[in-house]
Amino acid sequence: MINRTARSAFDAHIEAASNMAREHELGFEHELGWAAGLVSYAFFAGDITHEESTLMHQRIRAVRTRRIALLCCSSRREVA
């Protein structure tokens, strides 16, 4: 199991990426990169299992997909 400090850092990066303003179009990717790095390190160190790693990476992908969809919607409105 990932330790409490790493888990709170992971959650903080996910939260920051989710709540980032639209003006920071690619800043969310920086936050997600940090979260992915934490997951990879925890997996490499043996702190989490493959299943836990997969679930955490799915959470990262879900945030990324939602943010990209928001970017696409906002760019469509600007073009139209």
C-alpha atoms as a PDB file:
ATOM      1  CA  MET A   1       0.000   0.000   0.000  1.00  0.00           C
ATOM      2  CA  ILE A   2       1.244   3.473  -0.857  1.00  0.00           C
ATOM      3  CA  ASN A   3       2.170   5.484   2.226  1.00  0.00           C
ATOM      4  CA  ARG A   4      -0.043   8.287   3.510  1.00  0.00           C
ATOM      5  CA  THR A   5       2.273  11.123   2.418  1.00  0.00           C
ATOM      6  CA  ALA A   6       2.599   9.815  -1.147  1.00  0.00           C
ATOM      7  CA  ARG A   7      -1.138   9.203  -1.345  1.00  0.00           C
ATOM      8  CA  SER A   8      -1.944  12.745  -0.251  1.00  0.00           C
ATOM      9  CA  ALA A   9       0.577  14.123  -2.787  1.00  0.00           C
ATOM     10  CA  PHE A  10      -1.003  11.979  -5.522  1.00  0.00           C
ATOM     11  CA  ASP A  11      -4.479  13.207  -4.582  1.00  0.00           C
ATOM     12  CA  ALA A  12      -3.261  16.824  -4.472  1.00  0.00           C
ATOM     13  CA  HIS A  13      -1.811  16.601  -7.993  1.00  0.00           C
ATOM     14  CA  ILE A  14      -4.984  14.973  -9.333  1.00  0.00           C
ATOM     15  CA  GLU A  15      -7.104  17.640  -7.647  1.00  0.00           C
ATOM     16  CA  ALA A  16      -4.910  20.451  -8.991  1.00  0.00           C
ATOM     17  CA  ALA A  17      -5.149  19.060 -12.521  1.00  0.00           C
ATOM     18  CA  SER A  18      -8.919  18.672 -12.247  1.00  0.00           C
ATOM     19  CA  ASN A  19      -9.523  22.183 -10.939  1.00  0.00           C
ATOM     20  CA  MET A  20      -7.013  24.092 -13.045  1.00  0.00           C
ATOM     21  CA  ALA A  21      -8.410  27.106 -14.867  1.00  0.00           C
ATOM     22  CA  ARG A  22      -8.932  26.902 -18.612  1.00  0.00           C
ATOM     23  CA  GLU A  23      -6.325  29.623 -19.134  1.00  0.00           C
ATOM     24  CA  HIS A  24      -3.707  27.043 -18.131  1.00  0.00           C
ATOM     25  CA  GLU A  25      -4.408  24.874 -21.127  1.00  0.00           C
ATOM     26  CA  LEU A  26      -1.522  22.458 -20.650  1.00  0.00           C
ATOM     27  CA  GLY A  27      -0.642  23.060 -17.008  1.00  0.00           C
ATOM     28  CA  PHE A  28      -2.807  20.130 -16.018  1.00  0.00           C
ATOM     29  CA  GLU A  29      -0.418  17.805 -17.858  1.00  0.00           C
ATOM     30  CA  HIS A  30       2.398  18.897 -15.538  1.00  0.00           C
ATOM     31  CA  GLU A  31       0.322  17.922 -12.515  1.00  0.00           C
ATOM     32  CA  LEU A  32      -0.665  14.594 -14.059  1.00  0.00           C
ATOM     33  CA  GLY A  33       2.973  13.895 -14.877  1.00  0.00           C
ATOM     34  CA  TRP A  34       3.869  14.295 -11.215  1.00  0.00           C
ATOM     35  CA  ALA A  35       1.021  11.965 -10.222  1.00  0.00           C
ATOM     36  CA  ALA A  36       2.142   9.351 -12.756  1.00  0.00           C
ATOM     37  CA  GLY A  37       5.700   9.622 -11.474  1.00  0.00           C
ATOM     38  CA  LEU A  38       4.540   8.969  -7.925  1.00  0.00           C
ATOM     39  CA  VAL A  39       2.622   5.888  -9.050  1.00  0.00           C
ATOM     40  CA  SER A  40       5.555   4.568 -11.068  1.00  0.00           C
ATOM     41  CA  TYR A  41       7.978   5.072  -8.187  1.00  0.00           C
ATOM     42  CA  ALA A  42       5.628   3.370  -5.714  1.00  0.00           C
ATOM     43  CA  PHE A  43       5.238   0.417  -8.081  1.00  0.00           C
ATOM     44  CA  PHE A  44       8.993   0.185  -8.689  1.00  0.00           C
ATOM     45  CA  ALA A  45       9.656   0.301  -4.944  1.00  0.00           C
ATOM     46  CA  GLY A  46       7.136  -2.482  -4.360  1.00  0.00           C
ATOM     47  CA  ASP A  47       4.827  -0.307  -2.280  1.00  0.00           C
ATOM     48  CA  ILE A  48       1.816  -0.997  -4.511  1.00  0.00           C
ATOM     49  CA  THR A  49       0.692  -3.942  -6.591  1.00  0.00           C
ATOM     50  CA  HIS A  50       0.135  -4.015 -10.325  1.00  0.00           C
ATOM     51  CA  GLU A  51      -3.621  -3.787  -9.790  1.00  0.00           C
ATOM     52  CA  GLU A  52      -3.281  -0.703  -7.570  1.00  0.00           C
ATOM     53  CA  SER A  53      -0.960   0.871 -10.124  1.00  0.00           C
ATOM     54  CA  THR A  54      -3.445   0.182 -12.896  1.00  0.00           C
ATOM     55  CA  LEU A  55      -6.305   1.752 -10.920  1.00  0.00           C
ATOM     56  CA  MET A  56      -4.277   4.858 -10.133  1.00  0.00           C
ATOM     57  CA  HIS A  57      -3.224   5.226 -13.777  1.00  0.00           C
ATOM     58  CA  GLN A  58      -6.884   4.865 -14.810  1.00  0.00           C
ATOM     59  CA  ARG A  59      -7.698   7.777 -12.527  1.00  0.00           C
ATOM     60  CA  ILE A  60      -4.960   9.834 -14.209  1.00  0.00           C
ATOM     61  CA  ARG A  61      -6.283   8.935 -17.670  1.00  0.00           C
ATOM     62  CA  ALA A  62      -9.837   9.866 -16.638  1.00  0.00           C
ATOM     63  CA  VAL A  63      -8.742  13.340 -15.557  1.00  0.00           C
ATOM     64  CA  ARG A  64      -6.655  13.776 -18.717  1.00  0.00           C
ATOM     65  CA  THR A  65      -9.558  12.710 -20.945  1.00  0.00           C
ATOM     66  CA  ARG A  66     -11.960  15.084 -19.221  1.00  0.00           C
ATOM     67  CA  ARG A  67      -9.543  18.012 -19.469  1.00  0.00           C
ATOM     68  CA  ILE A  68      -8.876  17.362 -23.163  1.00  0.00           C
ATOM     69  CA  ALA A  69     -12.610  17.166 -23.835  1.00  0.00           C
ATOM     70  CA  LEU A  70     -13.029  20.564 -22.136  1.00  0.00           C
ATOM     71  CA  LEU A  71     -10.241  22.004 -24.296  1.00  0.00           C
ATOM     72  CA  CYS A  72     -11.869  20.644 -27.453  1.00  0.00           C
ATOM     73  CA  CYS A  73     -15.276  22.073 -26.497  1.00  0.00           C
ATOM     74  CA  SER A  74     -13.839  25.489 -25.718  1.00  0.00           C
ATOM     75  CA  SER A  75     -11.842  25.588 -28.963  1.00  0.00           C
ATOM     76  CA  ARG A  76     -14.957  24.630 -30.959  1.00  0.00           C
ATOM     77  CA  ARG A  77     -16.855  27.526 -29.407  1.00  0.00           C
ATOM     78  CA  GLU A  78     -14.071  29.937 -30.334  1.00  0.00           C
ATOM     79  CA  VAL A  79     -14.042  28.768 -33.954  1.00  0.00           C
ATOM     80  CA  ALA A  80     -17.820  28.844 -34.360  1.00  0.00           C
END
